[in-house]
Each structure stands twice: as C-alpha cells, then as structure tokens.
Amino acid sequence: MGAKLALEVRQVSKTYRERGKPGVKAVDSISFGVGQNEVVGLLGPNGAGKTTIIKCILGLMRPDSGEILVFGEDVEAHYPRILQKMSAVLEGSRNLYWRLTVWENVRFFSGLSGISSRENQEYFRYLIRLFSLKDKQDVEVRKLSQGMKQKTSVVCALARRTPLIFLDEPTLGLDVETSLELRHVLRQLAQEEQRTIVVSSHDMDVIQDICQRVIILSSGQVIVNDKVSHLMQLFGTKAYRISLVGNLPRELEETLTTHFSSLSVATNDIGVEIRINLSEPHEIYLLMDTLRDAGAIIDEISHEDVDLEKVFLEVVRRERNGHATGYSL
C-alpha cells in the first residue's frame, strides 16, 4: 500500500516551546495518506496545524515524533535530496525575487532543482501561456499586479516538474476572475500531467472545484478524511430550509435552539425562514412535531443547497462542541 502513496504521514506531532511558557501542541499524532496523482484539500480553522504539517513534510521544520514518507522514502533520512520530489507555494508571491522578470524567476527556481532551462524551455513557455503571463514574461515581478505575482509563484513551482506539489493559499488576494482562471488551470494541469497536488486554502470554492478529497484538521488533529462528493451528499440529505407564515414566537425559537444546535432564523416577506442541519435523519420528525405543537404554519420546506463551506463550518462546529463527526477517519 505504501508504494502507491505519494505522501504518508504517520503519527506526527509537533509542539512549539518558549522558555518559561507552556508548550503549544500544533500537531497531535496526525496520520493520513495521499495517493499518487490525487488532488487533496487540507482544511482547518486558523491554528489547526495546516501550515505546521506542511512545513514538516517539506523538511522546513522537524517534528517531535512520527514519520513522514514521500514516495516511500523517509523525509528526515533522505533530506535534502527528497526535495527533488516536492515543490511548494508558501505565502504566495513572497517566494519570488521581485527584481527578476517572470522568465528569470522561472529559470532560477527550476534550476535549483536541476531542471535545464534549455531542455525545458518549451514547457516553461507553455506554463506561461497557460497562466496568461506571456505578455508579462519580461517584466520585473515587482511591477506586476498581485494576481500576476501569485500566478508566477505557481508557475515557478510547477516548472520544477516535481511529482508532488503543495499550494498554500494559491488564490490569496486574487480577484474573482483571476481566482476562477487559476482554479481552471490547476484542474486542467492535474488531469493532464497527473501530478499529486495538496492544496491548503480558506477559499472553499477552490477546494470544492479542484480536489477529490479533503482532510480537515482541528486542534492539531484530523477530524475528517473523506471524498468531497461524499461529504456533499451526506450533508445535503440533512440540511433543510423551512418557511413559516407569520412571526416565530420566542418560546418556539428557544425550544428549537435547545433541540437543534445548528439553527439560523431570518425574516422574509411572508414571515420567517429557518435553516437547519440535522445531526440524524430521524430528527426531521422531532422538528415537524415541535413546529406542529407550537401551531406554526409551514409555507414551504425543502432541502437546502449545500456547499463545502457549509460542510466545513458544521464539521468544525460539531468538533468544538464535543460531538463526534460521524466519519471514518
């Protein structure tokens, strides 16, 4: 099984320590794998441990315990040679040399990995065209827009031709049009070149658009490891939108809040709209009985459209409230 994995993280822990202060455990016995040619999203709220685990994988930080294997080789034992199999975009355009042109940056960073610019010149030009940077390839990076700087960073990572790529917030600071363009290109490259890509982002549209599977971290631990399609299907069957005629009595709202932790109430033209995510399918009967006993008049009830952002927020909310997520990790 290990031979088929591009990345394997085994029981990795990392604690940050300052003299005279208690340590902060950023990563707590994390384990997960990423298959070859797979595109995986790494999600989590701020402080969940995403950046820490990525830096440990890249050898920028040494974990306190555990193992990290890249294509079956231990990262610590084979560092720095193992870096020839990995490339990354961390903190966006800060990875670039701003007084070099786009073309010069691509040649420089690929050269660090031993990639000949002469032999790979056509591929470099292909990437530059693909990311709509052809007209800017001879312009110094410092003179580019934020979106073009970000795309140049991704091109430099891809130009190294490594089989494993990490993209940390690849669409950070981009406008909607540029973000859509970048997502389209990444999806195309993942299909055409069959590279393994790990994407860490707070932009759920990016993850939903290009990733097959998501790993969600919270408090330094993996709380979900599942296919995007399965998560969407699972939560889509439990999310409801209910329109009530008239106002919602305070007593009824308090009763609903007591029984259903995931609840939002908003007024509309005819009365009140309730959005609710049920923990278990049978809770729909309790919901209907509660509304009927209170004399509420239902105008409309429907399944709510669910996106990955709503799934993520619900999963993290349950974990923080001490509820089991109900997923196979």
Protein backbone atom coordinates (compact mmCIF):
# COMPACT_ATOMS: atom_id res chain seq x y z
CA MET A 1 0.00 0.00 0.00
CA GLY A 2 2.80 2.42 0.89
CA ALA A 3 4.33 2.10 -2.58
CA LYS A 4 1.11 3.53 -4.07
CA LEU A 5 1.17 6.59 -1.86
CA ALA A 6 2.84 9.83 -2.84
CA LEU A 7 2.71 11.01 0.77
CA GLU A 8 2.27 9.18 4.04
CA VAL A 9 2.13 10.95 7.40
CA ARG A 10 2.38 8.61 10.39
CA GLN A 11 1.57 9.76 13.94
CA VAL A 12 3.33 13.11 13.53
CA SER A 13 3.36 15.51 16.49
CA LYS A 14 4.88 18.97 16.89
CA THR A 15 4.89 21.26 19.93
CA TYR A 16 6.13 24.86 19.90
CA ARG A 17 8.05 25.76 23.03
CA GLU A 18 9.15 29.07 24.51
CA ARG A 19 11.34 29.39 27.55
CA GLY A 20 9.27 29.95 30.67
CA LYS A 21 5.96 29.24 28.91
CA PRO A 22 3.90 26.07 28.49
CA GLY A 23 4.28 24.43 25.09
CA VAL A 24 1.65 24.77 22.38
CA LYS A 25 0.87 21.49 20.60
CA ALA A 26 0.30 22.47 16.96
CA VAL A 27 0.09 18.91 15.60
CA ASP A 28 -1.08 15.98 17.71
CA SER A 29 -0.39 12.45 16.33
CA ILE A 30 -1.62 13.25 12.82
CA SER A 31 -1.82 10.41 10.29
CA PHE A 32 -3.04 10.49 6.68
CA GLY A 33 -2.01 9.44 3.19
CA VAL A 34 -2.22 10.96 -0.26
CA GLY A 35 -2.32 8.69 -3.29
CA GLN A 36 -0.28 9.24 -6.42
CA ASN A 37 -2.00 11.56 -8.94
CA GLU A 38 -4.54 12.61 -6.31
CA VAL A 39 -5.63 16.22 -5.65
CA VAL A 40 -6.35 16.67 -1.93
CA GLY A 41 -7.53 19.67 0.07
CA LEU A 42 -6.06 20.33 3.51
CA LEU A 43 -8.53 22.39 5.53
CA GLY A 44 -8.87 23.73 9.02
CA PRO A 45 -9.53 26.90 11.02
CA ASN A 46 -6.64 29.18 11.96
CA GLY A 47 -4.29 27.39 14.32
CA ALA A 48 -5.47 23.92 13.25
CA GLY A 49 -1.95 22.82 12.28
CA LYS A 50 -2.11 23.01 8.46
CA THR A 51 1.00 25.12 7.90
CA THR A 52 2.93 23.22 10.58
CA ILE A 53 2.32 19.83 8.97
CA ILE A 54 3.19 21.18 5.51
CA LYS A 55 6.47 22.62 6.81
CA CYS A 56 7.27 19.29 8.49
CA ILE A 57 6.63 17.44 5.22
CA LEU A 58 8.88 19.86 3.32
CA GLY A 59 11.66 19.47 5.89
CA LEU A 60 11.46 23.12 6.93
CA MET A 61 10.63 22.00 10.45
CA ARG A 62 11.45 18.83 12.35
CA PRO A 63 8.53 17.06 14.05
CA ASP A 64 8.90 15.90 17.65
CA SER A 65 7.77 12.39 16.76
CA GLY A 66 6.34 10.33 13.93
CA GLU A 67 7.35 9.57 10.35
CA ILE A 68 6.80 11.30 7.01
CA LEU A 69 7.29 9.30 3.81
CA VAL A 70 7.37 10.79 0.30
CA PHE A 71 7.05 8.12 -2.39
CA GLY A 72 8.11 5.59 0.23
CA GLU A 73 11.23 7.47 1.39
CA ASP A 74 11.63 8.94 4.87
CA VAL A 75 11.90 12.73 4.58
CA GLU A 76 14.28 13.17 7.51
CA ALA A 77 16.59 10.34 6.44
CA HIS A 78 16.79 11.49 2.81
CA TYR A 79 16.83 15.26 3.31
CA PRO A 80 17.66 17.38 1.30
CA ARG A 81 17.68 15.01 -1.70
CA ILE A 82 13.98 14.27 -1.14
CA LEU A 83 13.20 17.90 -2.05
CA GLN A 84 13.73 16.97 -5.71
CA LYS A 85 10.36 15.23 -5.48
CA MET A 86 8.50 18.17 -3.89
CA SER A 87 7.78 21.80 -4.66
CA ALA A 88 5.61 24.33 -2.89
CA VAL A 89 3.99 27.74 -2.99
CA LEU A 90 4.06 29.08 0.57
CA GLU A 91 2.85 32.58 1.46
CA GLY A 92 2.18 33.37 -2.18
CA SER A 93 4.31 35.88 -4.08
CA ARG A 94 6.78 36.26 -1.19
CA ASN A 95 8.56 33.25 -2.71
CA LEU A 96 9.69 35.29 -5.73
CA TYR A 97 12.63 37.57 -6.46
CA TRP A 98 10.85 40.81 -7.23
CA ARG A 99 13.69 42.41 -9.23
CA LEU A 100 13.85 39.47 -11.62
CA THR A 101 11.44 39.10 -14.52
CA VAL A 102 8.82 36.36 -14.70
CA TRP A 103 11.01 34.38 -17.11
CA GLU A 104 14.11 34.84 -14.95
CA ASN A 105 12.25 33.63 -11.85
CA VAL A 106 11.02 30.52 -13.66
CA ARG A 107 14.54 29.69 -14.89
CA PHE A 108 16.09 30.36 -11.49
CA PHE A 109 13.73 28.26 -9.37
CA SER A 110 13.64 25.36 -11.84
CA GLY A 111 17.45 25.47 -11.97
CA LEU A 112 17.58 24.95 -8.20
CA SER A 113 16.03 21.54 -8.83
CA GLY A 114 18.45 20.72 -11.61
CA ILE A 115 15.88 21.31 -14.36
CA SER A 116 17.66 22.50 -17.51
CA SER A 117 16.10 25.69 -18.89
CA ARG A 118 17.41 24.80 -22.35
CA GLU A 119 15.79 21.34 -22.41
CA ASN A 120 12.57 22.54 -20.77
CA GLN A 121 12.19 25.89 -22.47
CA GLU A 122 9.07 24.83 -24.38
CA TYR A 123 7.44 23.56 -21.21
CA PHE A 124 8.22 26.82 -19.39
CA ARG A 125 6.67 28.81 -22.25
CA TYR A 126 3.65 26.50 -22.18
CA LEU A 127 3.11 27.22 -18.47
CA ILE A 128 3.49 30.97 -19.01
CA ARG A 129 0.91 30.89 -21.81
CA LEU A 130 -1.41 28.69 -19.77
CA PHE A 131 -1.37 31.18 -16.89
CA SER A 132 -1.86 34.16 -19.26
CA LEU A 133 1.57 35.64 -18.44
CA LYS A 134 3.08 35.71 -21.96
CA ASP A 135 2.76 39.50 -22.29
CA LYS A 136 4.44 39.94 -18.89
CA GLN A 137 7.22 37.34 -19.07
CA ASP A 138 9.95 40.01 -19.48
CA VAL A 139 8.55 42.34 -16.82
CA GLU A 140 10.07 42.53 -13.33
CA VAL A 141 7.82 40.84 -10.79
CA ARG A 142 7.69 43.96 -8.59
CA LYS A 143 5.81 45.75 -11.38
CA LEU A 144 3.09 43.12 -11.68
CA SER A 145 -0.36 43.05 -10.10
CA GLN A 146 -0.95 40.83 -7.08
CA GLY A 147 -2.80 38.32 -9.23
CA MET A 148 0.07 38.04 -11.72
CA LYS A 149 2.60 37.69 -8.90
CA GLN A 150 0.54 34.86 -7.44
CA LYS A 151 0.30 33.09 -10.79
CA THR A 152 4.05 33.50 -11.30
CA SER A 153 4.63 31.75 -7.96
CA VAL A 154 2.53 28.79 -9.07
CA VAL A 155 4.33 28.65 -12.44
CA CYS A 156 7.72 28.57 -10.66
CA ALA A 157 6.56 25.64 -8.51
CA LEU A 158 5.19 23.73 -11.49
CA ALA A 159 8.31 24.42 -13.58
CA ARG A 160 10.37 22.32 -11.18
CA ARG A 161 8.46 19.29 -12.56
CA THR A 162 8.23 17.58 -9.17
CA PRO A 163 5.66 14.77 -8.80
CA LEU A 164 4.34 16.25 -5.52
CA ILE A 165 3.23 19.89 -5.20
CA PHE A 166 1.96 21.87 -2.20
CA LEU A 167 -0.10 25.00 -2.78
CA ASP A 168 -0.73 27.01 0.40
CA GLU A 169 -3.46 29.62 -0.22
CA PRO A 170 -2.85 29.78 -4.01
CA THR A 171 -5.72 32.26 -4.58
CA LEU A 172 -4.94 34.56 -1.63
CA GLY A 173 -5.63 38.19 -2.57
CA LEU A 174 -6.87 37.39 -6.07
CA ASP A 175 -9.96 38.97 -7.62
CA VAL A 176 -12.85 36.69 -8.57
CA GLU A 177 -11.93 36.49 -12.26
CA THR A 178 -8.27 35.64 -11.60
CA SER A 179 -9.24 33.10 -8.94
CA LEU A 180 -11.58 31.34 -11.37
CA GLU A 181 -8.86 31.34 -14.02
CA LEU A 182 -6.29 29.86 -11.64
CA ARG A 183 -8.70 27.16 -10.49
CA HIS A 184 -9.44 26.18 -14.09
CA VAL A 185 -5.74 25.94 -14.92
CA LEU A 186 -4.91 23.88 -11.82
CA ARG A 187 -7.74 21.48 -12.59
CA GLN A 188 -6.51 21.14 -16.18
CA LEU A 189 -2.92 20.52 -15.10
CA ALA A 190 -3.95 17.93 -12.51
CA GLN A 191 -5.79 15.99 -15.22
CA GLU A 192 -3.18 16.35 -17.97
CA GLU A 193 0.05 15.85 -16.01
CA GLN A 194 -1.27 13.52 -13.30
CA ARG A 195 0.75 15.11 -10.55
CA THR A 196 -0.07 14.83 -6.87
CA ILE A 197 -1.31 18.17 -5.51
CA VAL A 198 -2.07 19.13 -1.90
CA VAL A 199 -3.98 22.41 -1.63
CA SER A 200 -4.39 24.30 1.64
CA SER A 201 -6.88 27.16 1.45
CA HIS A 202 -9.61 29.04 3.28
CA ASP A 203 -11.33 29.52 -0.09
CA MET A 204 -13.77 26.61 -0.09
CA ASP A 205 -14.75 27.20 -3.72
CA VAL A 206 -11.16 26.42 -4.72
CA ILE A 207 -11.13 23.16 -2.75
CA GLN A 208 -14.55 22.11 -3.99
CA ASP A 209 -13.57 22.92 -7.57
CA ILE A 210 -10.28 21.04 -7.88
CA CYS A 211 -9.98 18.50 -5.05
CA GLN A 212 -11.23 14.93 -4.99
CA ARG A 213 -10.84 14.52 -1.23
CA VAL A 214 -10.49 16.75 1.84
CA ILE A 215 -8.62 16.31 5.08
CA ILE A 216 -9.95 18.61 7.80
CA LEU A 217 -7.79 19.45 10.81
CA SER A 218 -8.91 20.98 14.07
CA SER A 219 -6.87 21.49 17.24
CA GLY A 220 -3.93 19.68 15.67
CA GLN A 221 -5.84 16.52 14.79
CA VAL A 222 -7.53 15.02 11.74
CA ILE A 223 -11.30 15.14 12.25
CA VAL A 224 -12.42 14.34 8.69
CA ASN A 225 -10.78 12.47 5.82
CA ASP A 226 -13.33 11.91 3.07
CA LYS A 227 -14.23 12.45 -0.58
CA VAL A 228 -15.74 15.84 -1.38
CA SER A 229 -18.63 14.19 -3.22
CA HIS A 230 -19.48 12.00 -0.22
CA LEU A 231 -19.44 14.93 2.20
CA MET A 232 -21.71 16.97 -0.08
CA GLN A 233 -24.15 14.08 -0.42
CA LEU A 234 -24.11 13.34 3.31
CA PHE A 235 -24.79 16.90 4.41
CA GLY A 236 -27.19 17.58 1.56
CA THR A 237 -29.62 14.99 2.96
CA LYS A 238 -29.68 16.67 6.39
CA ALA A 239 -29.88 20.37 5.51
CA TYR A 240 -33.35 21.92 5.36
CA ARG A 241 -34.89 25.31 4.70
CA ILE A 242 -38.34 25.91 6.20
CA SER A 243 -40.52 28.97 5.57
CA LEU A 244 -43.12 29.77 8.24
CA VAL A 245 -46.06 32.14 7.90
CA GLY A 246 -46.02 34.93 10.48
CA ASN A 247 -43.61 35.59 13.33
CA LEU A 248 -41.65 32.99 15.26
CA PRO A 249 -42.68 33.05 18.95
CA ARG A 250 -39.75 33.36 21.33
CA GLU A 251 -40.77 30.19 23.17
CA LEU A 252 -40.70 28.21 19.93
CA GLU A 253 -37.30 29.62 18.96
CA GLU A 254 -35.91 28.70 22.39
CA THR A 255 -37.31 25.15 22.06
CA LEU A 256 -35.80 24.73 18.59
CA THR A 257 -32.45 26.06 19.80
CA THR A 258 -32.50 23.59 22.69
CA HIS A 259 -33.14 20.58 20.46
CA PHE A 260 -31.20 21.61 17.34
CA SER A 261 -27.79 23.21 17.77
CA SER A 262 -27.36 24.08 14.06
CA LEU A 263 -30.14 26.61 13.55
CA SER A 264 -30.47 30.04 11.95
CA VAL A 265 -33.59 32.23 11.76
CA ALA A 266 -34.24 35.13 9.38
CA THR A 267 -37.34 37.14 8.48
CA ASN A 268 -38.69 37.26 4.91
CA ASP A 269 -41.69 38.72 3.06
CA ILE A 270 -44.25 36.28 4.45
CA GLY A 271 -42.78 35.54 7.85
CA VAL A 272 -39.74 33.57 9.00
CA GLU A 273 -37.19 31.34 7.29
CA ILE A 274 -35.47 28.63 9.33
CA ARG A 275 -32.27 26.95 8.13
CA ILE A 276 -31.28 23.83 10.00
CA ASN A 277 -28.78 20.99 9.69
CA LEU A 278 -29.97 17.84 11.40
CA SER A 279 -27.47 15.54 13.08
CA GLU A 280 -29.56 12.42 12.38
CA PRO A 281 -32.19 11.75 9.66
CA HIS A 282 -34.90 10.83 12.21
CA GLU A 283 -34.68 14.33 13.75
CA ILE A 284 -36.90 15.61 10.94
CA TYR A 285 -39.86 14.01 12.79
CA LEU A 286 -38.95 15.78 16.03
CA LEU A 287 -38.68 19.05 14.10
CA MET A 288 -42.11 18.62 12.49
CA ASP A 289 -43.73 17.65 15.82
CA THR A 290 -42.18 20.69 17.53
CA LEU A 291 -43.49 23.07 14.86
CA ARG A 292 -46.96 21.46 14.84
CA ASP A 293 -47.32 21.51 18.63
CA ALA A 294 -46.46 25.23 18.62
CA GLY A 295 -49.12 25.93 15.99
CA ALA A 296 -46.59 27.10 13.40
CA ILE A 297 -47.86 27.27 9.81
CA ILE A 298 -45.38 25.88 7.28
CA ASP A 299 -45.46 27.64 3.91
CA GLU A 300 -42.59 25.69 2.31
CA ILE A 301 -39.99 23.08 3.24
CA SER A 302 -37.09 21.99 1.05
CA HIS A 303 -33.60 20.55 1.14
CA GLU A 304 -31.01 23.29 1.42
CA ASP A 305 -28.35 23.66 -1.24
CA VAL A 306 -25.09 22.67 0.44
CA ASP A 307 -21.60 23.76 -0.48
CA LEU A 308 -18.26 22.79 1.01
CA GLU A 309 -18.08 25.92 3.14
CA LYS A 310 -21.28 24.96 4.98
CA VAL A 311 -19.99 21.40 5.41
CA PHE A 312 -16.69 22.68 6.80
CA LEU A 313 -18.32 25.06 9.26
CA GLU A 314 -20.70 22.36 10.50
CA VAL A 315 -17.91 19.80 10.95
CA VAL A 316 -15.73 22.23 12.90
CA ARG A 317 -18.71 23.39 14.99
CA ARG A 318 -19.51 19.80 15.98
CA GLU A 319 -15.91 19.08 16.89
CA ARG A 320 -15.67 22.20 19.06
CA ASN A 321 -18.91 21.28 20.81
CA GLY A 322 -17.53 17.85 21.58
CA HIS A 323 -19.78 15.94 19.17
CA ALA A 324 -18.49 13.05 17.05
CA THR A 325 -18.28 13.93 13.39
CA GLY A 326 -19.59 10.56 12.31
CA TYR A 327 -16.96 9.98 9.64
CA SER A 328 -14.49 7.21 9.01
CA LEU A 329 -11.09 8.76 9.55
